[in-house]
Amino acid sequence: SNVLGTVNPVKEMIKIAHEHDVPVMVDGAQSTPHFAVDVQDMDCDFFAFSGHKIYGPTGIGVLYGKEEWLDKLPPYQGGGEMIESVSFEKTTFEKLPFKFEAGTPDYVATHGLAKAIDYVSALGMDNIAKHEQELTRYCMEQMRTIDGIRLFGEQEGKDAVVSFLVGDIHHMDMGTLLDRLGIAVRTGHHCAQPLMDRYGILGTVRASFALYNTKEEIDALVAGVKRVATMF
């Protein structure tokens, strides 16, 4: 969850779905930058993630699919290099993966994404996960020292996200004033309005962590939140 940091038991969920002959697509945009993903072990039918969330270029992403499903799917657009033969009577498409790659590919973004994957792979996804989990635990501990804090998503094993509100301070006011202090957070419903409705709130302030963040930055965040709280 990009709001709560919840890591869902996706493998178990997929198993249940498959027992009822339901194919599963996993949206891995929020998980891929933070810990290792094994699509074979997960046994998902499709898995997608975006390039920019794993430190690559914008405008490019990855879609993994089991061959048995990709074979069944028709192309969604037409162009050069994807067609084996064409006539007035019929069109025959190339084999996978080329039948889905119409026209000139975005080779610049593709190269950038490959380099980004090489970068995080060299650092080690397990190392990245360990670092981010340490930051998350530390942030949760420090946030609990703030008077009037309300934390959303306090379960064990959450990853890289801390969402909160303080007293009656509107999330946008908190975010704006933290920005003035040089602290970057996101405010709002985070593309998760049904979850906000579930909590009966309009939005939260969200701090999120990546491989380059430090405990000193978390200290600055906590100090900033405490300072903003004194203004209300």
C-alpha atoms as a PDB file:
ATOM      1  CA  SER A   1       0.000   0.000   0.000  1.00  0.00           C
ATOM      2  CA  ASN A   2       1.328   3.429  -0.941  1.00  0.00           C
ATOM      3  CA  VAL A   3      -0.587   4.850   2.037  1.00  0.00           C
ATOM      4  CA  LEU A   4      -0.142   2.335   4.853  1.00  0.00           C
ATOM      5  CA  GLY A   5       3.010   0.517   3.760  1.00  0.00           C
ATOM      6  CA  THR A   6       1.158  -2.790   4.036  1.00  0.00           C
ATOM      7  CA  VAL A   7       2.829  -5.728   2.296  1.00  0.00           C
ATOM      8  CA  ASN A   8      -0.014  -8.011   1.263  1.00  0.00           C
ATOM      9  CA  PRO A   9       0.347 -11.835   1.246  1.00  0.00           C
ATOM     10  CA  VAL A  10       0.178 -11.826  -2.542  1.00  0.00           C
ATOM     11  CA  LYS A  11       1.472 -15.369  -3.030  1.00  0.00           C
ATOM     12  CA  GLU A  12      -1.295 -16.801  -0.849  1.00  0.00           C
ATOM     13  CA  MET A  13      -3.891 -14.611  -2.559  1.00  0.00           C
ATOM     14  CA  ILE A  14      -2.771 -15.820  -5.984  1.00  0.00           C
ATOM     15  CA  LYS A  15      -2.982 -19.434  -4.850  1.00  0.00           C
ATOM     16  CA  ILE A  16      -6.594 -18.948  -3.775  1.00  0.00           C
ATOM     17  CA  ALA A  17      -7.450 -17.235  -7.067  1.00  0.00           C
ATOM     18  CA  HIS A  18      -5.845 -20.016  -9.116  1.00  0.00           C
ATOM     19  CA  GLU A  19      -7.820 -22.633  -7.190  1.00  0.00           C
ATOM     20  CA  HIS A  20     -10.882 -20.985  -8.733  1.00  0.00           C
ATOM     21  CA  ASP A  21      -9.296 -20.658 -12.214  1.00  0.00           C
ATOM     22  CA  VAL A  22      -8.933 -16.888 -11.887  1.00  0.00           C
ATOM     23  CA  PRO A  23      -5.854 -15.318 -13.537  1.00  0.00           C
ATOM     24  CA  VAL A  24      -4.050 -12.685 -11.487  1.00  0.00           C
ATOM     25  CA  MET A  25      -2.257  -9.497 -12.439  1.00  0.00           C
ATOM     26  CA  VAL A  26      -0.116  -7.892  -9.742  1.00  0.00           C
ATOM     27  CA  ASP A  27       0.526  -4.151  -9.729  1.00  0.00           C
ATOM     28  CA  GLY A  28       4.116  -4.036  -8.528  1.00  0.00           C
ATOM     29  CA  ALA A  29       4.733  -0.310  -8.950  1.00  0.00           C
ATOM     30  CA  GLN A  30       4.904   0.262  -5.191  1.00  0.00           C
ATOM     31  CA  SER A  31       6.846  -2.889  -4.279  1.00  0.00           C
ATOM     32  CA  THR A  32       9.485  -3.308  -6.984  1.00  0.00           C
ATOM     33  CA  PRO A  33      11.743  -0.438  -5.772  1.00  0.00           C
ATOM     34  CA  HIS A  34      11.749  -1.679  -2.184  1.00  0.00           C
ATOM     35  CA  PHE A  35      12.397  -5.415  -2.115  1.00  0.00           C
ATOM     36  CA  ALA A  36      13.193  -8.386  -4.329  1.00  0.00           C
ATOM     37  CA  VAL A  37      10.351  -9.736  -6.458  1.00  0.00           C
ATOM     38  CA  ASP A  38      10.232 -13.311  -7.791  1.00  0.00           C
ATOM     39  CA  VAL A  39       7.367 -13.688 -10.257  1.00  0.00           C
ATOM     40  CA  GLN A  40       7.967 -17.433 -10.664  1.00  0.00           C
ATOM     41  CA  ASP A  41       7.737 -18.055  -6.937  1.00  0.00           C
ATOM     42  CA  MET A  42       4.736 -15.741  -6.683  1.00  0.00           C
ATOM     43  CA  ASP A  43       3.138 -17.590  -9.618  1.00  0.00           C
ATOM     44  CA  CYS A  44       1.318 -14.482 -10.853  1.00  0.00           C
ATOM     45  CA  ASP A  45       0.020 -14.480 -14.408  1.00  0.00           C
ATOM     46  CA  PHE A  46       0.990 -10.858 -15.013  1.00  0.00           C
ATOM     47  CA  PHE A  47       3.206  -8.387 -13.153  1.00  0.00           C
ATOM     48  CA  ALA A  48       3.650  -4.708 -13.989  1.00  0.00           C
ATOM     49  CA  PHE A  49       5.800  -1.887 -12.656  1.00  0.00           C
ATOM     50  CA  SER A  50       6.824   1.599 -13.745  1.00  0.00           C
ATOM     51  CA  GLY A  51      10.344   2.648 -14.627  1.00  0.00           C
ATOM     52  CA  HIS A  52      10.556   5.930 -12.757  1.00  0.00           C
ATOM     53  CA  LYS A  53       9.731   4.337  -9.405  1.00  0.00           C
ATOM     54  CA  ILE A  54      12.874   2.236  -9.661  1.00  0.00           C
ATOM     55  CA  TYR A  55      15.025   5.292 -10.488  1.00  0.00           C
ATOM     56  CA  GLY A  56      14.688   4.936 -14.261  1.00  0.00           C
ATOM     57  CA  PRO A  57      13.196   7.288 -16.873  1.00  0.00           C
ATOM     58  CA  THR A  58       9.560   8.332 -16.964  1.00  0.00           C
ATOM     59  CA  GLY A  59       7.223   7.075 -19.653  1.00  0.00           C
ATOM     60  CA  ILE A  60       8.340   3.454 -19.605  1.00  0.00           C
ATOM     61  CA  GLY A  61       7.367   0.393 -17.619  1.00  0.00           C
ATOM     62  CA  VAL A  62       7.556  -3.372 -17.617  1.00  0.00           C
ATOM     63  CA  LEU A  63       4.809  -5.928 -18.142  1.00  0.00           C
ATOM     64  CA  TYR A  64       5.660  -9.540 -17.363  1.00  0.00           C
ATOM     65  CA  GLY A  65       3.196 -12.180 -18.475  1.00  0.00           C
ATOM     66  CA  LYS A  66       3.131 -15.939 -18.604  1.00  0.00           C
ATOM     67  CA  GLU A  67       3.620 -17.123 -22.156  1.00  0.00           C
ATOM     68  CA  GLU A  68       0.372 -19.086 -22.150  1.00  0.00           C
ATOM     69  CA  TRP A  69      -1.566 -15.869 -21.535  1.00  0.00           C
ATOM     70  CA  LEU A  70       0.444 -13.594 -23.799  1.00  0.00           C
ATOM     71  CA  ASP A  71      -0.057 -16.040 -26.665  1.00  0.00           C
ATOM     72  CA  LYS A  72      -3.817 -15.679 -26.279  1.00  0.00           C
ATOM     73  CA  LEU A  73      -3.845 -11.891 -26.205  1.00  0.00           C
ATOM     74  CA  PRO A  74      -4.199  -9.914 -29.447  1.00  0.00           C
ATOM     75  CA  PRO A  75      -2.013  -6.860 -30.112  1.00  0.00           C
ATOM     76  CA  TYR A  76      -3.580  -3.645 -28.857  1.00  0.00           C
ATOM     77  CA  GLN A  77      -1.979  -1.439 -31.533  1.00  0.00           C
ATOM     78  CA  GLY A  78      -0.428  -1.869 -34.951  1.00  0.00           C
ATOM     79  CA  GLY A  79       2.893  -0.865 -36.475  1.00  0.00           C
ATOM     80  CA  GLY A  80       6.107  -2.021 -38.057  1.00  0.00           C
ATOM     81  CA  GLU A  81       8.194  -4.951 -36.781  1.00  0.00           C
ATOM     82  CA  MET A  82       5.198  -6.644 -35.126  1.00  0.00           C
ATOM     83  CA  ILE A  83       3.743  -8.109 -38.310  1.00  0.00           C
ATOM     84  CA  GLU A  84       4.977 -11.305 -39.917  1.00  0.00           C
ATOM     85  CA  SER A  85       2.849 -10.928 -43.055  1.00  0.00           C
ATOM     86  CA  VAL A  86      -0.064  -8.818 -44.209  1.00  0.00           C
ATOM     87  CA  SER A  87      -2.574  -9.045 -47.045  1.00  0.00           C
ATOM     88  CA  PHE A  88      -6.079  -7.820 -47.780  1.00  0.00           C
ATOM     89  CA  GLU A  89      -7.410 -11.093 -46.396  1.00  0.00           C
ATOM     90  CA  LYS A  90      -5.505 -11.418 -43.119  1.00  0.00           C
ATOM     91  CA  THR A  91      -2.595 -10.357 -40.957  1.00  0.00           C
ATOM     92  CA  THR A  92      -0.156 -12.691 -39.217  1.00  0.00           C
ATOM     93  CA  PHE A  93       1.723 -11.331 -36.205  1.00  0.00           C
ATOM     94  CA  GLU A  94       5.270 -12.021 -35.069  1.00  0.00           C
ATOM     95  CA  LYS A  95       6.097 -14.291 -32.144  1.00  0.00           C
ATOM     96  CA  LEU A  96       6.374 -12.996 -28.603  1.00  0.00           C
ATOM     97  CA  PRO A  97       7.344 -10.444 -27.493  1.00  0.00           C
ATOM     98  CA  PHE A  98       7.481  -8.673 -30.843  1.00  0.00           C
ATOM     99  CA  LYS A  99       3.767  -8.853 -31.589  1.00  0.00           C
ATOM    100  CA  PHE A 100       3.200  -6.295 -28.827  1.00  0.00           C
ATOM    101  CA  GLU A 101       6.014  -3.938 -29.872  1.00  0.00           C
ATOM    102  CA  ALA A 102       4.630  -1.775 -32.655  1.00  0.00           C
ATOM    103  CA  GLY A 103       6.879   0.648 -34.493  1.00  0.00           C
ATOM    104  CA  THR A 104      10.181   2.090 -33.338  1.00  0.00           C
ATOM    105  CA  PRO A 105      10.724   1.213 -29.671  1.00  0.00           C
ATOM    106  CA  ASP A 106      11.688   3.839 -27.112  1.00  0.00           C
ATOM    107  CA  TYR A 107      15.244   2.575 -27.001  1.00  0.00           C
ATOM    108  CA  VAL A 108      16.521   5.600 -25.061  1.00  0.00           C
ATOM    109  CA  ALA A 109      14.126   4.985 -22.160  1.00  0.00           C
ATOM    110  CA  THR A 110      14.701   1.236 -22.450  1.00  0.00           C
ATOM    111  CA  HIS A 111      18.439   1.724 -22.027  1.00  0.00           C
ATOM    112  CA  GLY A 112      17.853   4.049 -19.069  1.00  0.00           C
ATOM    113  CA  LEU A 113      15.561   1.548 -17.375  1.00  0.00           C
ATOM    114  CA  ALA A 114      18.073  -1.255 -17.913  1.00  0.00           C
ATOM    115  CA  LYS A 115      20.777   0.860 -16.256  1.00  0.00           C
ATOM    116  CA  ALA A 116      18.466   1.619 -13.327  1.00  0.00           C
ATOM    117  CA  ILE A 117      17.800  -2.086 -12.834  1.00  0.00           C
ATOM    118  CA  ASP A 118      21.542  -2.765 -13.011  1.00  0.00           C
ATOM    119  CA  TYR A 119      22.079  -0.072 -10.370  1.00  0.00           C
ATOM    120  CA  VAL A 120      19.658  -1.441  -7.770  1.00  0.00           C
ATOM    121  CA  SER A 121      20.746  -4.999  -8.543  1.00  0.00           C
ATOM    122  CA  ALA A 122      24.362  -4.063  -7.825  1.00  0.00           C
ATOM    123  CA  LEU A 123      23.353  -2.527  -4.498  1.00  0.00           C
ATOM    124  CA  GLY A 124      21.315  -5.633  -3.710  1.00  0.00           C
ATOM    125  CA  MET A 125      17.557  -5.558  -3.229  1.00  0.00           C
ATOM    126  CA  ASP A 126      17.907  -7.303   0.139  1.00  0.00           C
ATOM    127  CA  ASN A 127      20.275  -4.544   1.280  1.00  0.00           C
ATOM    128  CA  ILE A 128      17.859  -1.876   0.080  1.00  0.00           C
ATOM    129  CA  ALA A 129      14.963  -3.579   1.878  1.00  0.00           C
ATOM    130  CA  LYS A 130      16.919  -3.850   5.136  1.00  0.00           C
ATOM    131  CA  HIS A 131      17.936  -0.179   5.021  1.00  0.00           C
ATOM    132  CA  GLU A 132      14.425   1.046   4.287  1.00  0.00           C
ATOM    133  CA  GLN A 133      12.842  -1.136   6.968  1.00  0.00           C
ATOM    134  CA  GLU A 134      15.284   0.246   9.527  1.00  0.00           C
ATOM    135  CA  LEU A 135      14.333   3.776   8.476  1.00  0.00           C
ATOM    136  CA  THR A 136      10.633   2.949   8.691  1.00  0.00           C
ATOM    137  CA  ARG A 137      10.930   1.498  12.199  1.00  0.00           C
ATOM    138  CA  TYR A 138      13.018   4.465  13.351  1.00  0.00           C
ATOM    139  CA  CYS A 139      10.559   6.959  11.906  1.00  0.00           C
ATOM    140  CA  MET A 140       7.589   5.244  13.557  1.00  0.00           C
ATOM    141  CA  GLU A 141       9.391   5.306  16.917  1.00  0.00           C
ATOM    142  CA  GLN A 142      10.259   8.998  16.623  1.00  0.00           C
ATOM    143  CA  MET A 143       6.836   9.996  15.335  1.00  0.00           C
ATOM    144  CA  ARG A 144       5.215   8.523  18.449  1.00  0.00           C
ATOM    145  CA  THR A 145       6.986  11.222  20.508  1.00  0.00           C
ATOM    146  CA  ILE A 146       4.858  13.927  18.841  1.00  0.00           C
ATOM    147  CA  ASP A 147       1.821  15.126  20.807  1.00  0.00           C
ATOM    148  CA  GLY A 148      -1.453  14.545  18.983  1.00  0.00           C
ATOM    149  CA  ILE A 149       0.062  12.312  16.303  1.00  0.00           C
ATOM    150  CA  ARG A 150      -2.199   9.850  14.536  1.00  0.00           C
ATOM    151  CA  LEU A 151      -0.342   7.192  12.574  1.00  0.00           C
ATOM    152  CA  PHE A 152      -2.014   5.173   9.847  1.00  0.00           C
ATOM    153  CA  GLY A 153      -0.694   1.668   9.281  1.00  0.00           C
ATOM    154  CA  GLU A 154       1.192   0.513  12.370  1.00  0.00           C
ATOM    155  CA  GLN A 155       1.451  -3.164  11.502  1.00  0.00           C
ATOM    156  CA  GLU A 156       4.738  -5.049  11.730  1.00  0.00           C
ATOM    157  CA  GLY A 157       6.502  -5.611   8.435  1.00  0.00           C
ATOM    158  CA  LYS A 158       5.244  -2.428   6.789  1.00  0.00           C
ATOM    159  CA  ASP A 159       7.687  -0.878   4.395  1.00  0.00           C
ATOM    160  CA  ALA A 160       9.014   2.554   3.434  1.00  0.00           C
ATOM    161  CA  VAL A 161       5.870   4.630   4.125  1.00  0.00           C
ATOM    162  CA  VAL A 162       4.654   6.558   7.166  1.00  0.00           C
ATOM    163  CA  SER A 163       1.273   8.317   6.893  1.00  0.00           C
ATOM    164  CA  PHE A 164       0.098  10.621   9.659  1.00  0.00           C
ATOM    165  CA  LEU A 165      -2.024  13.509  10.880  1.00  0.00           C
ATOM    166  CA  VAL A 166      -1.375  15.777  13.851  1.00  0.00           C
ATOM    167  CA  GLY A 167      -4.300  17.029  15.903  1.00  0.00           C
ATOM    168  CA  ASP A 168      -6.719  19.081  13.820  1.00  0.00           C
ATOM    169  CA  ILE A 169      -4.044  20.365  11.439  1.00  0.00           C
ATOM    170  CA  HIS A 170      -5.128  19.945   7.821  1.00  0.00           C
ATOM    171  CA  HIS A 171      -2.787  17.687   5.894  1.00  0.00           C
ATOM    172  CA  MET A 172      -2.184  20.359   3.239  1.00  0.00           C
ATOM    173  CA  ASP A 173      -1.256  22.955   5.869  1.00  0.00           C
ATOM    174  CA  MET A 174       1.218  20.531   7.402  1.00  0.00           C
ATOM    175  CA  GLY A 175       2.694  19.693   4.000  1.00  0.00           C
ATOM    176  CA  THR A 176       2.981  23.332   2.926  1.00  0.00           C
ATOM    177  CA  LEU A 177       4.762  24.394   6.097  1.00  0.00           C
ATOM    178  CA  LEU A 178       7.089  21.385   6.014  1.00  0.00           C
ATOM    179  CA  ASP A 179       7.937  22.362   2.441  1.00  0.00           C
ATOM    180  CA  ARG A 180       8.937  25.816   3.701  1.00  0.00           C
ATOM    181  CA  LEU A 181      11.334  24.022   6.035  1.00  0.00           C
ATOM    182  CA  GLY A 182      12.853  22.099   3.134  1.00  0.00           C
ATOM    183  CA  ILE A 183      11.137  18.821   3.998  1.00  0.00           C
ATOM    184  CA  ALA A 184       9.464  16.927   1.154  1.00  0.00           C
ATOM    185  CA  VAL A 185       6.285  15.005   1.945  1.00  0.00           C
ATOM    186  CA  ARG A 186       3.147  14.256  -0.015  1.00  0.00           C
ATOM    187  CA  THR A 187      -0.334  15.240   1.118  1.00  0.00           C
ATOM    188  CA  GLY A 188      -3.825  14.253   0.016  1.00  0.00           C
ATOM    189  CA  HIS A 189      -5.622  10.990  -0.590  1.00  0.00           C
ATOM    190  CA  HIS A 190      -2.686   9.451  -2.507  1.00  0.00           C
ATOM    191  CA  CYS A 191      -4.960   8.001  -5.219  1.00  0.00           C
ATOM    192  CA  ALA A 192      -6.682   5.973  -2.500  1.00  0.00           C
ATOM    193  CA  GLN A 193      -9.953   7.751  -1.775  1.00  0.00           C
ATOM    194  CA  PRO A 194     -11.839   4.586  -0.701  1.00  0.00           C
ATOM    195  CA  LEU A 195      -9.205   4.022   1.989  1.00  0.00           C
ATOM    196  CA  MET A 196      -9.580   7.610   3.188  1.00  0.00           C
ATOM    197  CA  ASP A 197     -13.342   7.101   3.338  1.00  0.00           C
ATOM    198  CA  ARG A 198     -12.741   3.976   5.416  1.00  0.00           C
ATOM    199  CA  TYR A 199     -10.814   6.053   7.965  1.00  0.00           C
ATOM    200  CA  GLY A 200     -13.262   8.955   7.752  1.00  0.00           C
ATOM    201  CA  ILE A 201     -10.596  11.471   6.733  1.00  0.00           C
ATOM    202  CA  LEU A 202      -9.860  13.659   3.704  1.00  0.00           C
ATOM    203  CA  GLY A 203      -6.198  12.750   3.426  1.00  0.00           C
ATOM    204  CA  THR A 204      -2.902  12.256   5.226  1.00  0.00           C
ATOM    205  CA  VAL A 205       0.634  13.527   5.234  1.00  0.00           C
ATOM    206  CA  ARG A 206       2.917  10.836   3.857  1.00  0.00           C
ATOM    207  CA  ALA A 207       6.653  10.487   4.351  1.00  0.00           C
ATOM    208  CA  SER A 208       8.272   7.810   2.231  1.00  0.00           C
ATOM    209  CA  PHE A 209      11.787   6.442   2.164  1.00  0.00           C
ATOM    210  CA  ALA A 210      14.200   5.228  -0.462  1.00  0.00           C
ATOM    211  CA  LEU A 211      17.687   3.793  -0.594  1.00  0.00           C
ATOM    212  CA  TYR A 212      19.291   7.241  -0.314  1.00  0.00           C
ATOM    213  CA  ASN A 213      17.469   8.474   2.809  1.00  0.00           C
ATOM    214  CA  THR A 214      19.084   8.689   6.258  1.00  0.00           C
ATOM    215  CA  LYS A 215      18.095   8.743   9.928  1.00  0.00           C
ATOM    216  CA  GLU A 216      19.299  12.347  10.099  1.00  0.00           C
ATOM    217  CA  GLU A 217      16.635  13.262   7.552  1.00  0.00           C
ATOM    218  CA  ILE A 218      14.016  11.539   9.688  1.00  0.00           C
ATOM    219  CA  ASP A 219      15.196  13.576  12.678  1.00  0.00           C
ATOM    220  CA  ALA A 220      14.705  16.709  10.572  1.00  0.00           C
ATOM    221  CA  LEU A 221      11.205  15.534   9.616  1.00  0.00           C
ATOM    222  CA  VAL A 222      10.185  14.915  13.225  1.00  0.00           C
ATOM    223  CA  ALA A 223      11.619  18.262  14.339  1.00  0.00           C
ATOM    224  CA  GLY A 224       9.772  19.946  11.481  1.00  0.00           C
ATOM    225  CA  VAL A 225       6.445  18.347  12.390  1.00  0.00           C
ATOM    226  CA  LYS A 226       6.881  19.407  16.019  1.00  0.00           C
ATOM    227  CA  ARG A 227       7.672  22.959  14.916  1.00  0.00           C
ATOM    228  CA  VAL A 228       4.631  23.144  12.655  1.00  0.00           C
ATOM    229  CA  ALA A 229       2.433  21.785  15.449  1.00  0.00           C
ATOM    230  CA  THR A 230       3.359  24.777  17.634  1.00  0.00           C
ATOM    231  CA  MET A 231       1.860  27.121  15.029  1.00  0.00           C
ATOM    232  CA  PHE A 232      -1.680  25.833  15.560  1.00  0.00           C
END
